[in-house]
Structure formats: C-alpha cells, structure tokens
Amino acid sequence: MFTIKNLSVSIGQRNLFNQISLQANTNEITGLVGRSGSGKSTLFRLALGLLTTEAGYKWEGDMDWKGIPLGKKPTPILQPVFQDPFGSFSPFGSIGELLLEPIRIQKKFTLSSKEKKEEWDKVETICHSFGLQKELFDKTKNELSGGQLQRFAIVRAMLANPEYLLLDEPVTALDVLVQKKIAEELKERNRTHQLGMFIVSHDIGFLSFMCDQLFVLEGGQITESGNPKEIFKNPKSNLMQELIRARSHSFGGDTSSSESSN
C-alpha cells in the first residue's frame, strides 16, 4: 500500500501541503487531481527521494510503500513517468539502447547473450502493445514525436520490473488518439499484471476513465476522496465543482478523449 500520513511540505515561505493523509491500494489505479502549480508533482519527487533541503524544501510526516519509508533515497520498486518525455531521455544513444538501461543497471552492466535476447524480446513485446514499431529503436529522441517518447518512457518504466508506477500528467499535450492508446494500454497492464499506479493530473476525464479511487488536492489539503464517478456525479469540493463546470463549457465539449475511449 502507498501511504501518506500527516505530510506537510514547504519551500521557502510557501506551504504546499498541510498534514495531508491518504492510502492507495497496491494493485489499483489511484488518482490525485489538483490545480496547476498546486504541488501534485512534488509528492512524486519526495517519494522518489528527489527533494533536497539544499533546494529549499522542508517536510515532516510519513510516506511509505508497503511499510518501506520513502523520501530519503531512490526506491527502484517505484518507477516514475514524468510529464516531459523529452527530459526523460538522454540525447546520446539510440532509443533502443536507452530502453535497456534499467536491466543493465540491475545486472550491474553485465548482460549475457541469452539475457540480452530475453530483454529484447520483452522490449519488442511491450513496445508492440503501445503501438511502437521496431524501426523506431535506432532513432534518437530528437527524431521522435512527443507521443512516441511518452510511450517509450512508460515502456522503460515497465522494463524496470516495478511494483508500482508513479505517473505525472502522462497524457498532457498529447493528441487525442495517443491519449486513447496510452490510457487503454495502461488499464490493460493494470488488469492483466496487477500493476498498481498513482496518477497526478488536472484532466478529470482521463482520471475518470483510469482510476479506481480519486483524491482532490485543494489549498494544500485533501478536500474530497472516493470513487471518481461518484465524485463527478455529486462533487463536494469547490475545485471539483469548478472543474466540472469548466469541462461542460470547454471548446471540446463535455467529454474528454479518455472518457470517449471507455
């Protein structure tokens, strides 16, 4: 279980969270919705051991995965997928080479011919499920689109054999067809491999399609939680009411691409 208990985080004079608490079930998909700049992504950086006091961050409270404390050092069983796919890959080397980085690190950079073939088979299988052709493996990140890179970022996270994925706005700024492909494949991996996920986003349509449980972050606190469809039907927090009103008056109509794929 991914657990946060009485967590407060600040940077400089700004308080991001004030004693927030939540529990996310191991094999489920959990979402956290909040305004842009509300600090949603900060939770991931803290869980991954990427926040530093040298950068001005201060925090107190507890965060753990199955009882393992988080925040002080990287935890490989948790794998992130960040919002900016271009920042997730080195400009040096082909995408195929970069996809093998997780297993090379786990094997201390020593792979036998058999292991390398097994890993390539796994790479090709997962990439195929995300609509990524083998011909793309020889390209560098600058030769690929944002949608292709985001799918490769998800594939690379899965190749690390994680117990849990942390996804930060995984479909933001992608076209609707790519959003649909990513959403459906993530749901399938959760169903067939019981791979749990925690997603932060402000796209309530995407979260409605993806999540078993949803938490609403507002003013540094959790103001609402529960089944997404029940929350959307009867929103109690000011933020959810505003987001639902905004969606019904959006240029794209009242149904997101993610919901339309349901």
C-alpha atoms as a PDB file:
ATOM      1  CA  MET A   1       0.000   0.000   0.000  1.00  0.00           C
ATOM      2  CA  PHE A   2       1.193   3.516  -0.856  1.00  0.00           C
ATOM      3  CA  THR A   3       0.603   5.560   2.285  1.00  0.00           C
ATOM      4  CA  ILE A   4       0.963   9.220   3.168  1.00  0.00           C
ATOM      5  CA  LYS A   5       0.346  10.263   6.760  1.00  0.00           C
ATOM      6  CA  ASN A   6       0.262  13.811   8.138  1.00  0.00           C
ATOM      7  CA  LEU A   7       2.605  15.084   5.424  1.00  0.00           C
ATOM      8  CA  SER A   8       3.470  18.777   5.354  1.00  0.00           C
ATOM      9  CA  VAL A   9       5.814  20.213   2.717  1.00  0.00           C
ATOM     10  CA  SER A  10       7.044  23.757   2.201  1.00  0.00           C
ATOM     11  CA  ILE A  11       9.566  25.544   0.029  1.00  0.00           C
ATOM     12  CA  GLY A  12      10.817  28.854   1.278  1.00  0.00           C
ATOM     13  CA  GLN A  13       7.822  30.691   2.728  1.00  0.00           C
ATOM     14  CA  ARG A  14       5.294  28.756   0.652  1.00  0.00           C
ATOM     15  CA  ASN A  15       3.365  25.848   2.186  1.00  0.00           C
ATOM     16  CA  LEU A  16       2.491  23.209  -0.417  1.00  0.00           C
ATOM     17  CA  PHE A  17       0.781  20.658   1.839  1.00  0.00           C
ATOM     18  CA  ASN A  18      -0.616  20.843   5.325  1.00  0.00           C
ATOM     19  CA  GLN A  19      -0.785  17.448   7.052  1.00  0.00           C
ATOM     20  CA  ILE A  20      -2.285  15.528   4.143  1.00  0.00           C
ATOM     21  CA  SER A  21      -3.023  11.830   4.512  1.00  0.00           C
ATOM     22  CA  LEU A  22      -4.115   9.177   2.008  1.00  0.00           C
ATOM     23  CA  GLN A  23      -3.878   5.470   1.267  1.00  0.00           C
ATOM     24  CA  ALA A  24      -3.644   3.972  -2.223  1.00  0.00           C
ATOM     25  CA  ASN A  25      -4.270   0.243  -2.640  1.00  0.00           C
ATOM     26  CA  THR A  26      -1.395  -1.796  -4.047  1.00  0.00           C
ATOM     27  CA  ASN A  27      -2.951  -3.140  -7.266  1.00  0.00           C
ATOM     28  CA  GLU A  28      -5.400  -0.330  -8.006  1.00  0.00           C
ATOM     29  CA  ILE A  29      -5.099   2.859 -10.038  1.00  0.00           C
ATOM     30  CA  THR A  30      -5.321   5.903  -7.786  1.00  0.00           C
ATOM     31  CA  GLY A  31      -5.578   9.492  -8.953  1.00  0.00           C
ATOM     32  CA  LEU A  32      -4.796  12.872  -7.450  1.00  0.00           C
ATOM     33  CA  VAL A  33      -6.380  15.920  -9.055  1.00  0.00           C
ATOM     34  CA  GLY A  34      -5.374  19.489  -8.317  1.00  0.00           C
ATOM     35  CA  ARG A  35      -4.796  22.847  -9.914  1.00  0.00           C
ATOM     36  CA  SER A  36      -1.661  23.506 -11.936  1.00  0.00           C
ATOM     37  CA  GLY A  37       1.066  24.589  -9.526  1.00  0.00           C
ATOM     38  CA  SER A  38      -0.654  23.011  -6.518  1.00  0.00           C
ATOM     39  CA  GLY A  39       2.362  20.803  -5.795  1.00  0.00           C
ATOM     40  CA  LYS A  40       0.997  17.487  -7.083  1.00  0.00           C
ATOM     41  CA  SER A  41       4.284  16.570  -8.747  1.00  0.00           C
ATOM     42  CA  THR A  42       6.173  17.386  -5.546  1.00  0.00           C
ATOM     43  CA  LEU A  43       4.684  14.275  -3.933  1.00  0.00           C
ATOM     44  CA  PHE A  44       6.364  12.128  -6.570  1.00  0.00           C
ATOM     45  CA  ARG A  45       9.712  13.828  -6.236  1.00  0.00           C
ATOM     46  CA  LEU A  46       9.545  13.293  -2.486  1.00  0.00           C
ATOM     47  CA  ALA A  47       8.542   9.622  -2.856  1.00  0.00           C
ATOM     48  CA  LEU A  48      11.438   9.097  -5.273  1.00  0.00           C
ATOM     49  CA  GLY A  49      13.967  10.742  -2.974  1.00  0.00           C
ATOM     50  CA  LEU A  50      14.478  13.686  -5.333  1.00  0.00           C
ATOM     51  CA  LEU A  51      13.581  16.560  -2.993  1.00  0.00           C
ATOM     52  CA  THR A  52      16.504  18.162  -1.186  1.00  0.00           C
ATOM     53  CA  THR A  53      16.807  20.568   1.689  1.00  0.00           C
ATOM     54  CA  GLU A  54      19.536  22.291  -0.342  1.00  0.00           C
ATOM     55  CA  ALA A  55      16.832  23.322  -2.839  1.00  0.00           C
ATOM     56  CA  GLY A  56      14.841  24.926  -0.008  1.00  0.00           C
ATOM     57  CA  TYR A  57      12.334  22.141   0.684  1.00  0.00           C
ATOM     58  CA  LYS A  58      11.262  21.203   4.200  1.00  0.00           C
ATOM     59  CA  TRP A  59       8.908  18.393   5.118  1.00  0.00           C
ATOM     60  CA  GLU A  60       7.591  16.382   8.006  1.00  0.00           C
ATOM     61  CA  GLY A  61       5.271  13.419   8.227  1.00  0.00           C
ATOM     62  CA  ASP A  62       5.438   9.915   6.777  1.00  0.00           C
ATOM     63  CA  MET A  63       5.334   8.383   3.300  1.00  0.00           C
ATOM     64  CA  ASP A  64       5.876   4.685   2.663  1.00  0.00           C
ATOM     65  CA  TRP A  65       5.356   1.798   0.245  1.00  0.00           C
ATOM     66  CA  LYS A  66       4.300  -1.459   1.953  1.00  0.00           C
ATOM     67  CA  GLY A  67       5.917  -0.206   5.150  1.00  0.00           C
ATOM     68  CA  ILE A  68       9.175   0.841   3.444  1.00  0.00           C
ATOM     69  CA  PRO A  69       9.879   4.520   4.274  1.00  0.00           C
ATOM     70  CA  LEU A  70      10.173   6.804   1.259  1.00  0.00           C
ATOM     71  CA  GLY A  71      11.824  10.158   0.697  1.00  0.00           C
ATOM     72  CA  LYS A  72      15.446   9.675   1.712  1.00  0.00           C
ATOM     73  CA  LYS A  73      16.753   7.649  -1.236  1.00  0.00           C
ATOM     74  CA  PRO A  74      15.596   6.264  -4.599  1.00  0.00           C
ATOM     75  CA  THR A  75      13.377   3.180  -4.407  1.00  0.00           C
ATOM     76  CA  PRO A  76      13.621   1.125  -7.644  1.00  0.00           C
ATOM     77  CA  ILE A  77      10.357  -0.744  -6.977  1.00  0.00           C
ATOM     78  CA  LEU A  78       8.631   2.596  -7.636  1.00  0.00           C
ATOM     79  CA  GLN A  79       9.139   3.810 -11.209  1.00  0.00           C
ATOM     80  CA  PRO A  80       8.155   7.287 -12.430  1.00  0.00           C
ATOM     81  CA  VAL A  81       6.844   8.544 -15.757  1.00  0.00           C
ATOM     82  CA  PHE A  82       7.305  12.295 -15.877  1.00  0.00           C
ATOM     83  CA  GLN A  83       5.254  14.853 -17.784  1.00  0.00           C
ATOM     84  CA  ASP A  84       8.038  15.953 -20.132  1.00  0.00           C
ATOM     85  CA  PRO A  85       9.185  12.947 -22.197  1.00  0.00           C
ATOM     86  CA  PHE A  86      11.998  14.936 -23.853  1.00  0.00           C
ATOM     87  CA  GLY A  87      13.586  15.445 -20.452  1.00  0.00           C
ATOM     88  CA  SER A  88      13.330  11.726 -19.659  1.00  0.00           C
ATOM     89  CA  PHE A  89      15.831  10.509 -22.253  1.00  0.00           C
ATOM     90  CA  SER A  90      19.475  11.266 -22.895  1.00  0.00           C
ATOM     91  CA  PRO A  91      20.269  12.887 -26.262  1.00  0.00           C
ATOM     92  CA  PHE A  92      23.127  10.393 -26.580  1.00  0.00           C
ATOM     93  CA  GLY A  93      22.445   6.900 -27.870  1.00  0.00           C
ATOM     94  CA  SER A  94      19.519   5.307 -29.646  1.00  0.00           C
ATOM     95  CA  ILE A  95      16.140   4.758 -28.033  1.00  0.00           C
ATOM     96  CA  GLY A  96      16.736   1.015 -28.169  1.00  0.00           C
ATOM     97  CA  GLU A  97      19.942   1.364 -26.164  1.00  0.00           C
ATOM     98  CA  LEU A  98      18.260   3.646 -23.651  1.00  0.00           C
ATOM     99  CA  LEU A  99      15.399   1.180 -23.145  1.00  0.00           C
ATOM    100  CA  LEU A 100      17.907  -1.401 -21.911  1.00  0.00           C
ATOM    101  CA  GLU A 101      19.283   0.954 -19.240  1.00  0.00           C
ATOM    102  CA  PRO A 102      17.083  -0.373 -16.381  1.00  0.00           C
ATOM    103  CA  ILE A 103      18.103  -4.001 -16.820  1.00  0.00           C
ATOM    104  CA  ARG A 104      21.765  -3.039 -17.364  1.00  0.00           C
ATOM    105  CA  ILE A 105      21.740  -1.158 -14.058  1.00  0.00           C
ATOM    106  CA  GLN A 106      20.025  -4.061 -12.275  1.00  0.00           C
ATOM    107  CA  LYS A 107      22.597  -6.505 -13.709  1.00  0.00           C
ATOM    108  CA  LYS A 108      25.487  -4.145 -12.921  1.00  0.00           C
ATOM    109  CA  PHE A 109      26.054  -3.543 -16.639  1.00  0.00           C
ATOM    110  CA  THR A 110      26.813  -7.224 -17.351  1.00  0.00           C
ATOM    111  CA  LEU A 111      24.343  -8.942 -19.679  1.00  0.00           C
ATOM    112  CA  SER A 112      24.906 -12.366 -21.188  1.00  0.00           C
ATOM    113  CA  SER A 113      23.855 -13.010 -24.783  1.00  0.00           C
ATOM    114  CA  LYS A 114      20.872 -15.011 -23.527  1.00  0.00           C
ATOM    115  CA  GLU A 115      19.806 -12.266 -21.114  1.00  0.00           C
ATOM    116  CA  LYS A 116      20.161  -9.622 -23.794  1.00  0.00           C
ATOM    117  CA  LYS A 117      17.965 -11.613 -26.201  1.00  0.00           C
ATOM    118  CA  GLU A 118      15.342 -12.148 -23.480  1.00  0.00           C
ATOM    119  CA  GLU A 119      15.297  -8.437 -22.732  1.00  0.00           C
ATOM    120  CA  TRP A 120      14.986  -7.519 -26.418  1.00  0.00           C
ATOM    121  CA  ASP A 121      12.044  -9.916 -26.732  1.00  0.00           C
ATOM    122  CA  LYS A 122      10.425  -8.204 -23.753  1.00  0.00           C
ATOM    123  CA  VAL A 123      11.148  -4.740 -25.207  1.00  0.00           C
ATOM    124  CA  GLU A 124       9.589  -5.653 -28.543  1.00  0.00           C
ATOM    125  CA  THR A 125       6.505  -7.196 -26.916  1.00  0.00           C
ATOM    126  CA  ILE A 126       5.752  -4.204 -24.688  1.00  0.00           C
ATOM    127  CA  CYS A 127       6.531  -1.691 -27.436  1.00  0.00           C
ATOM    128  CA  HIS A 128       4.190  -3.502 -29.830  1.00  0.00           C
ATOM    129  CA  SER A 129       1.363  -3.246 -27.279  1.00  0.00           C
ATOM    130  CA  PHE A 130       1.901   0.531 -27.197  1.00  0.00           C
ATOM    131  CA  GLY A 131       1.942   0.811 -30.997  1.00  0.00           C
ATOM    132  CA  LEU A 132       5.710   1.410 -31.225  1.00  0.00           C
ATOM    133  CA  GLN A 133       7.470  -0.195 -34.195  1.00  0.00           C
ATOM    134  CA  LYS A 134      10.932  -1.792 -34.099  1.00  0.00           C
ATOM    135  CA  GLU A 135      12.079   0.698 -36.741  1.00  0.00           C
ATOM    136  CA  LEU A 136      11.989   3.421 -34.073  1.00  0.00           C
ATOM    137  CA  PHE A 137      14.622   1.723 -31.890  1.00  0.00           C
ATOM    138  CA  ASP A 138      17.522   3.085 -33.949  1.00  0.00           C
ATOM    139  CA  LYS A 139      16.355   6.690 -33.684  1.00  0.00           C
ATOM    140  CA  THR A 140      17.447   9.272 -31.134  1.00  0.00           C
ATOM    141  CA  LYS A 141      14.966  11.175 -29.000  1.00  0.00           C
ATOM    142  CA  ASN A 142      15.221  14.234 -31.280  1.00  0.00           C
ATOM    143  CA  GLU A 143      13.888  12.165 -34.168  1.00  0.00           C
ATOM    144  CA  LEU A 144      10.706  11.142 -32.351  1.00  0.00           C
ATOM    145  CA  SER A 145       7.424  12.873 -31.555  1.00  0.00           C
ATOM    146  CA  GLY A 146       6.289  13.724 -28.035  1.00  0.00           C
ATOM    147  CA  GLY A 147       3.676  10.985 -28.173  1.00  0.00           C
ATOM    148  CA  GLN A 148       6.232   8.359 -29.203  1.00  0.00           C
ATOM    149  CA  LEU A 149       8.650   9.454 -26.493  1.00  0.00           C
ATOM    150  CA  GLN A 150       5.956   9.387 -23.815  1.00  0.00           C
ATOM    151  CA  ARG A 151       5.049   5.830 -24.752  1.00  0.00           C
ATOM    152  CA  PHE A 152       8.736   4.876 -24.704  1.00  0.00           C
ATOM    153  CA  ALA A 153       9.030   6.465 -21.251  1.00  0.00           C
ATOM    154  CA  ILE A 154       6.190   4.254 -19.993  1.00  0.00           C
ATOM    155  CA  VAL A 155       7.775   1.188 -21.612  1.00  0.00           C
ATOM    156  CA  ARG A 156      11.139   1.916 -19.991  1.00  0.00           C
ATOM    157  CA  ALA A 157       9.485   2.267 -16.567  1.00  0.00           C
ATOM    158  CA  MET A 158       7.805  -1.121 -17.037  1.00  0.00           C
ATOM    159  CA  LEU A 159      11.084  -2.751 -18.124  1.00  0.00           C
ATOM    160  CA  ALA A 160      12.487  -1.970 -14.671  1.00  0.00           C
ATOM    161  CA  ASN A 161      10.021  -4.549 -13.263  1.00  0.00           C
ATOM    162  CA  PRO A 162       8.423  -2.114 -10.802  1.00  0.00           C
ATOM    163  CA  GLU A 163       5.796  -2.927  -8.218  1.00  0.00           C
ATOM    164  CA  TYR A 164       4.160   0.479  -8.718  1.00  0.00           C
ATOM    165  CA  LEU A 165       4.119   3.276 -11.303  1.00  0.00           C
ATOM    166  CA  LEU A 166       4.013   6.987 -10.491  1.00  0.00           C
ATOM    167  CA  LEU A 167       2.653   8.917 -13.495  1.00  0.00           C
ATOM    168  CA  ASP A 168       2.861  12.708 -13.649  1.00  0.00           C
ATOM    169  CA  GLU A 169       0.385  14.166 -16.196  1.00  0.00           C
ATOM    170  CA  PRO A 170       1.106  11.277 -18.600  1.00  0.00           C
ATOM    171  CA  VAL A 171      -1.155  12.463 -21.432  1.00  0.00           C
ATOM    172  CA  THR A 172      -0.911  16.244 -21.156  1.00  0.00           C
ATOM    173  CA  ALA A 173      -0.323  17.989 -24.506  1.00  0.00           C
ATOM    174  CA  LEU A 174      -0.679  14.749 -26.498  1.00  0.00           C
ATOM    175  CA  ASP A 175      -3.193  14.371 -29.300  1.00  0.00           C
ATOM    176  CA  VAL A 176      -6.431  12.546 -28.556  1.00  0.00           C
ATOM    177  CA  LEU A 177      -5.536   9.344 -30.408  1.00  0.00           C
ATOM    178  CA  VAL A 178      -2.263   8.991 -28.484  1.00  0.00           C
ATOM    179  CA  GLN A 179      -4.108   9.737 -25.218  1.00  0.00           C
ATOM    180  CA  LYS A 180      -6.579   6.980 -26.009  1.00  0.00           C
ATOM    181  CA  LYS A 181      -3.842   4.455 -26.828  1.00  0.00           C
ATOM    182  CA  ILE A 182      -1.878   5.201 -23.656  1.00  0.00           C
ATOM    183  CA  ALA A 183      -4.968   5.147 -21.418  1.00  0.00           C
ATOM    184  CA  GLU A 184      -6.243   1.840 -22.759  1.00  0.00           C
ATOM    185  CA  GLU A 185      -2.854   0.119 -22.586  1.00  0.00           C
ATOM    186  CA  LEU A 186      -2.220   1.292 -19.006  1.00  0.00           C
ATOM    187  CA  LYS A 187      -5.631  -0.012 -17.973  1.00  0.00           C
ATOM    188  CA  GLU A 188      -4.839  -3.341 -19.642  1.00  0.00           C
ATOM    189  CA  ARG A 189      -1.469  -3.646 -17.860  1.00  0.00           C
ATOM    190  CA  ASN A 190      -3.201  -2.952 -14.561  1.00  0.00           C
ATOM    191  CA  ARG A 191      -5.833  -5.614 -15.302  1.00  0.00           C
ATOM    192  CA  THR A 192      -3.521  -8.349 -16.603  1.00  0.00           C
ATOM    193  CA  HIS A 193      -0.403  -7.734 -14.488  1.00  0.00           C
ATOM    194  CA  GLN A 194      -1.991  -6.176 -11.367  1.00  0.00           C
ATOM    195  CA  LEU A 195       0.432  -3.281 -11.782  1.00  0.00           C
ATOM    196  CA  GLY A 196      -0.673  -0.529  -9.421  1.00  0.00           C
ATOM    197  CA  MET A 197      -0.442   3.121 -10.448  1.00  0.00           C
ATOM    198  CA  PHE A 198      -0.699   6.558  -8.876  1.00  0.00           C
ATOM    199  CA  ILE A 199      -1.554   9.315 -11.354  1.00  0.00           C
ATOM    200  CA  VAL A 200      -1.467  13.053 -10.769  1.00  0.00           C
ATOM    201  CA  SER A 201      -3.329  15.171 -13.293  1.00  0.00           C
ATOM    202  CA  HIS A 202      -5.774  18.015 -13.768  1.00  0.00           C
ATOM    203  CA  ASP A 203      -7.532  16.138 -16.604  1.00  0.00           C
ATOM    204  CA  ILE A 204     -10.663  14.878 -14.859  1.00  0.00           C
ATOM    205  CA  GLY A 205     -11.855  12.990 -17.940  1.00  0.00           C
ATOM    206  CA  PHE A 206      -8.630  10.970 -18.046  1.00  0.00           C
ATOM    207  CA  LEU A 207      -8.772  10.317 -14.302  1.00  0.00           C
ATOM    208  CA  SER A 208     -12.423   9.267 -14.516  1.00  0.00           C
ATOM    209  CA  PHE A 209     -11.548   6.643 -17.140  1.00  0.00           C
ATOM    210  CA  MET A 210      -8.399   5.416 -15.399  1.00  0.00           C
ATOM    211  CA  CYS A 211      -8.926   5.444 -11.659  1.00  0.00           C
ATOM    212  CA  ASP A 212     -10.492   3.210  -9.030  1.00  0.00           C
ATOM    213  CA  GLN A 213     -10.019   5.894  -6.383  1.00  0.00           C
ATOM    214  CA  LEU A 214      -9.571   9.657  -6.598  1.00  0.00           C
ATOM    215  CA  PHE A 215      -8.243  12.264  -4.162  1.00  0.00           C
ATOM    216  CA  VAL A 216      -8.799  16.002  -4.599  1.00  0.00           C
ATOM    217  CA  LEU A 217      -5.976  18.343  -3.573  1.00  0.00           C
ATOM    218  CA  GLU A 218      -7.102  21.870  -2.831  1.00  0.00           C
ATOM    219  CA  GLY A 219      -5.387  24.595  -0.827  1.00  0.00           C
ATOM    220  CA  GLY A 220      -2.709  22.190   0.376  1.00  0.00           C
ATOM    221  CA  GLN A 221      -5.226  19.691   1.765  1.00  0.00           C
ATOM    222  CA  ILE A 222      -7.215  16.657   0.634  1.00  0.00           C
ATOM    223  CA  THR A 223     -10.752  18.026   0.419  1.00  0.00           C
ATOM    224  CA  GLU A 224     -12.537  15.061  -1.175  1.00  0.00           C
ATOM    225  CA  SER A 225     -11.923  11.391  -1.976  1.00  0.00           C
ATOM    226  CA  GLY A 226     -13.729   8.330  -3.233  1.00  0.00           C
ATOM    227  CA  ASN A 227     -14.873   6.633  -6.425  1.00  0.00           C
ATOM    228  CA  PRO A 228     -14.303   9.044  -9.358  1.00  0.00           C
ATOM    229  CA  LYS A 229     -17.689   8.533 -10.966  1.00  0.00           C
ATOM    230  CA  GLU A 230     -19.451   9.160  -7.653  1.00  0.00           C
ATOM    231  CA  ILE A 231     -17.384  12.311  -7.086  1.00  0.00           C
ATOM    232  CA  PHE A 232     -18.183  13.617 -10.577  1.00  0.00           C
ATOM    233  CA  LYS A 233     -21.877  12.878 -10.052  1.00  0.00           C
ATOM    234  CA  ASN A 234     -22.012  14.719  -6.728  1.00  0.00           C
ATOM    235  CA  PRO A 235     -18.876  16.887  -6.261  1.00  0.00           C
ATOM    236  CA  LYS A 236     -18.494  18.370  -2.794  1.00  0.00           C
ATOM    237  CA  SER A 237     -15.210  20.282  -3.086  1.00  0.00           C
ATOM    238  CA  ASN A 238     -15.018  23.713  -4.703  1.00  0.00           C
ATOM    239  CA  LEU A 239     -12.265  22.525  -7.050  1.00  0.00           C
ATOM    240  CA  MET A 240     -14.243  19.601  -8.466  1.00  0.00           C
ATOM    241  CA  GLN A 241     -17.316  21.776  -8.939  1.00  0.00           C
ATOM    242  CA  GLU A 242     -15.203  24.316 -10.837  1.00  0.00           C
ATOM    243  CA  LEU A 243     -13.504  21.660 -12.989  1.00  0.00           C
ATOM    244  CA  ILE A 244     -16.801  20.045 -13.934  1.00  0.00           C
ATOM    245  CA  ARG A 245     -18.342  23.396 -14.830  1.00  0.00           C
ATOM    246  CA  ALA A 246     -15.275  24.278 -16.907  1.00  0.00           C
ATOM    247  CA  ARG A 247     -15.410  20.951 -18.728  1.00  0.00           C
ATOM    248  CA  SER A 248     -19.059  21.415 -19.664  1.00  0.00           C
ATOM    249  CA  HIS A 249     -18.183  24.787 -21.233  1.00  0.00           C
ATOM    250  CA  SER A 250     -14.901  23.726 -22.856  1.00  0.00           C
ATOM    251  CA  PHE A 251     -14.200  24.170 -26.558  1.00  0.00           C
ATOM    252  CA  GLY A 252     -14.018  20.400 -26.959  1.00  0.00           C
ATOM    253  CA  GLY A 253     -17.419  19.679 -25.478  1.00  0.00           C
ATOM    254  CA  ASP A 254     -18.207  17.876 -22.245  1.00  0.00           C
ATOM    255  CA  THR A 255     -16.434  14.567 -22.874  1.00  0.00           C
ATOM    256  CA  SER A 256     -12.689  14.130 -22.854  1.00  0.00           C
ATOM    257  CA  SER A 257     -10.815  11.857 -25.228  1.00  0.00           C
ATOM    258  CA  SER A 258     -10.057   9.491 -22.375  1.00  0.00           C
ATOM    259  CA  GLU A 259     -13.710   9.100 -21.457  1.00  0.00           C
ATOM    260  CA  SER A 260     -14.712   8.558 -25.061  1.00  0.00           C
ATOM    261  CA  SER A 261     -12.383   5.549 -25.178  1.00  0.00           C
ATOM    262  CA  ASN A 262     -14.334   3.824 -22.430  1.00  0.00           C
END
